[in-house]
């Protein structure tokens, strides 16, 4: 059964969830993978089907570039927060993605 068939309620968050991205994973990919893991969705497309694409709320390329290392600099320290898929999402420099259900 897909998210479209069950509705977004099946992917709705119930608890706080923390995901640690792989070192080579972009922040935008980590957000989608975190929500997919939290909701036990079959695949990442189920998240987009249920809640719309990530780019409707934040530019994935901009998100990725915030923490991207360059030839002359290391990754920037800090975090960015936004709301997506009925969750407050916080991504930080370490690749940690925190998901908190919207009340």
C-alpha atoms as a PDB file:
ATOM      1  CA  UNK A   1       0.000   0.000   0.000  1.00  0.00           C
ATOM      2  CA  UNK A   2       1.384   3.436  -0.888  1.00  0.00           C
ATOM      3  CA  UNK A   3       1.189   6.693   1.022  1.00  0.00           C
ATOM      4  CA  UNK A   4      -1.379   7.969  -1.455  1.00  0.00           C
ATOM      5  CA  UNK A   5      -3.644   5.048  -0.671  1.00  0.00           C
ATOM      6  CA  UNK A   6      -3.352   5.382   3.070  1.00  0.00           C
ATOM      7  CA  UNK A   7      -3.104   9.172   3.222  1.00  0.00           C
ATOM      8  CA  UNK A   8      -0.448  11.199   4.979  1.00  0.00           C
ATOM      9  CA  UNK A   9      -1.717  10.064   8.400  1.00  0.00           C
ATOM     10  CA  UNK A  10       0.226   6.834   8.017  1.00  0.00           C
ATOM     11  CA  UNK A  11       3.416   8.881   7.669  1.00  0.00           C
ATOM     12  CA  UNK A  12       2.546  11.365  10.403  1.00  0.00           C
ATOM     13  CA  UNK A  13       5.125  11.641  13.171  1.00  0.00           C
ATOM     14  CA  UNK A  14       4.365  10.537  16.695  1.00  0.00           C
ATOM     15  CA  UNK A  15       7.653  11.066  18.561  1.00  0.00           C
ATOM     16  CA  UNK A  16      10.899  13.003  18.346  1.00  0.00           C
ATOM     17  CA  UNK A  17      13.368  11.247  16.049  1.00  0.00           C
ATOM     18  CA  UNK A  18      17.107  11.727  15.494  1.00  0.00           C
ATOM     19  CA  UNK A  19      18.915  10.533  12.373  1.00  0.00           C
ATOM     20  CA  UNK A  20      22.660  10.631  11.749  1.00  0.00           C
ATOM     21  CA  UNK A  21      23.577  11.065   8.100  1.00  0.00           C
ATOM     22  CA  UNK A  22      26.401   9.152   6.476  1.00  0.00           C
ATOM     23  CA  UNK A  23      29.522  11.308   5.960  1.00  0.00           C
ATOM     24  CA  UNK A  24      29.004  11.383   2.186  1.00  0.00           C
ATOM     25  CA  UNK A  25      25.253  12.067   2.371  1.00  0.00           C
ATOM     26  CA  UNK A  26      23.947  15.536   1.547  1.00  0.00           C
ATOM     27  CA  UNK A  27      21.752  17.315   4.118  1.00  0.00           C
ATOM     28  CA  UNK A  28      18.751  17.291   1.773  1.00  0.00           C
ATOM     29  CA  UNK A  29      19.073  13.529   1.244  1.00  0.00           C
ATOM     30  CA  UNK A  30      19.479  13.055   4.994  1.00  0.00           C
ATOM     31  CA  UNK A  31      16.211  14.899   5.690  1.00  0.00           C
ATOM     32  CA  UNK A  32      14.263  12.673   3.309  1.00  0.00           C
ATOM     33  CA  UNK A  33      15.961   9.519   4.602  1.00  0.00           C
ATOM     34  CA  UNK A  34      15.239  10.561   8.209  1.00  0.00           C
ATOM     35  CA  UNK A  35      11.540  11.058   7.534  1.00  0.00           C
ATOM     36  CA  UNK A  36      11.413   7.812   5.561  1.00  0.00           C
ATOM     37  CA  UNK A  37      13.063   5.937   8.446  1.00  0.00           C
ATOM     38  CA  UNK A  38      10.874   7.551  11.092  1.00  0.00           C
ATOM     39  CA  UNK A  39       7.656   6.770   9.274  1.00  0.00           C
ATOM     40  CA  UNK A  40       8.628   3.249   8.146  1.00  0.00           C
ATOM     41  CA  UNK A  41       7.784   4.276   4.588  1.00  0.00           C
ATOM     42  CA  UNK A  42       8.630   1.855   1.809  1.00  0.00           C
ATOM     43  CA  UNK A  43      10.704   4.387  -0.108  1.00  0.00           C
ATOM     44  CA  UNK A  44      11.594   8.091  -0.043  1.00  0.00           C
ATOM     45  CA  UNK A  45       9.099   8.889  -2.800  1.00  0.00           C
ATOM     46  CA  UNK A  46       6.294   8.032  -0.370  1.00  0.00           C
ATOM     47  CA  UNK A  47       7.314  11.089   1.665  1.00  0.00           C
ATOM     48  CA  UNK A  48       7.087  13.376  -1.367  1.00  0.00           C
ATOM     49  CA  UNK A  49       3.799  11.767  -2.411  1.00  0.00           C
ATOM     50  CA  UNK A  50       2.292  12.354   1.026  1.00  0.00           C
ATOM     51  CA  UNK A  51       3.689  15.808   1.842  1.00  0.00           C
ATOM     52  CA  UNK A  52       4.920  17.331  -1.397  1.00  0.00           C
ATOM     53  CA  UNK A  53       8.515  17.709  -2.504  1.00  0.00           C
ATOM     54  CA  UNK A  54      11.129  19.103  -0.133  1.00  0.00           C
ATOM     55  CA  UNK A  55      11.769  21.992  -2.535  1.00  0.00           C
ATOM     56  CA  UNK A  56       8.282  23.339  -1.757  1.00  0.00           C
ATOM     57  CA  UNK A  57       9.595  24.436   1.672  1.00  0.00           C
ATOM     58  CA  UNK A  58      13.372  24.810   1.243  1.00  0.00           C
ATOM     59  CA  UNK A  59      15.775  24.863  -1.678  1.00  0.00           C
ATOM     60  CA  UNK A  60      17.660  21.540  -1.406  1.00  0.00           C
ATOM     61  CA  UNK A  61      20.716  22.942  -3.205  1.00  0.00           C
ATOM     62  CA  UNK A  62      20.855  25.894  -0.801  1.00  0.00           C
ATOM     63  CA  UNK A  63      20.474  23.560   2.180  1.00  0.00           C
ATOM     64  CA  UNK A  64      23.311  21.386   0.907  1.00  0.00           C
ATOM     65  CA  UNK A  65      25.571  24.363   0.212  1.00  0.00           C
ATOM     66  CA  UNK A  66      25.177  25.742   3.747  1.00  0.00           C
ATOM     67  CA  UNK A  67      27.357  22.977   5.154  1.00  0.00           C
ATOM     68  CA  UNK A  68      29.458  22.174   2.112  1.00  0.00           C
ATOM     69  CA  UNK A  69      33.218  22.272   2.450  1.00  0.00           C
ATOM     70  CA  UNK A  70      35.177  24.064  -0.234  1.00  0.00           C
ATOM     71  CA  UNK A  71      38.756  23.633  -1.388  1.00  0.00           C
ATOM     72  CA  UNK A  72      39.901  26.299   1.064  1.00  0.00           C
ATOM     73  CA  UNK A  73      37.440  26.014   3.947  1.00  0.00           C
ATOM     74  CA  UNK A  74      35.919  23.357   6.148  1.00  0.00           C
ATOM     75  CA  UNK A  75      32.198  22.891   6.592  1.00  0.00           C
ATOM     76  CA  UNK A  76      30.490  25.802   8.316  1.00  0.00           C
ATOM     77  CA  UNK A  77      29.322  25.276  11.884  1.00  0.00           C
ATOM     78  CA  UNK A  78      25.686  25.798  12.731  1.00  0.00           C
ATOM     79  CA  UNK A  79      22.242  24.481  12.023  1.00  0.00           C
ATOM     80  CA  UNK A  80      19.173  25.286   9.997  1.00  0.00           C
ATOM     81  CA  UNK A  81      15.553  24.663  10.964  1.00  0.00           C
ATOM     82  CA  UNK A  82      12.385  24.516   8.903  1.00  0.00           C
ATOM     83  CA  UNK A  83       8.993  22.812   8.874  1.00  0.00           C
ATOM     84  CA  UNK A  84       8.288  19.924   6.509  1.00  0.00           C
ATOM     85  CA  UNK A  85       6.039  16.859   6.509  1.00  0.00           C
ATOM     86  CA  UNK A  86       4.248  17.789   9.755  1.00  0.00           C
ATOM     87  CA  UNK A  87       7.626  18.041  11.500  1.00  0.00           C
ATOM     88  CA  UNK A  88       9.983  20.709  12.732  1.00  0.00           C
ATOM     89  CA  UNK A  89      13.250  19.713  11.081  1.00  0.00           C
ATOM     90  CA  UNK A  90      16.681  20.744  12.359  1.00  0.00           C
ATOM     91  CA  UNK A  91      19.831  19.876  10.425  1.00  0.00           C
ATOM     92  CA  UNK A  92      23.287  20.605  11.825  1.00  0.00           C
ATOM     93  CA  UNK A  93      26.889  20.568  10.682  1.00  0.00           C
ATOM     94  CA  UNK A  94      27.529  17.059  11.971  1.00  0.00           C
ATOM     95  CA  UNK A  95      24.854  15.561   9.706  1.00  0.00           C
ATOM     96  CA  UNK A  96      22.419  15.155  12.573  1.00  0.00           C
ATOM     97  CA  UNK A  97      18.777  15.533  11.571  1.00  0.00           C
ATOM     98  CA  UNK A  98      16.267  16.043  14.367  1.00  0.00           C
ATOM     99  CA  UNK A  99      12.552  15.631  13.668  1.00  0.00           C
ATOM    100  CA  UNK A 100       9.957  16.910  16.128  1.00  0.00           C
ATOM    101  CA  UNK A 101       6.221  16.484  15.463  1.00  0.00           C
ATOM    102  CA  UNK A 102       4.316  19.726  14.966  1.00  0.00           C
ATOM    103  CA  UNK A 103       1.791  20.113  17.744  1.00  0.00           C
END
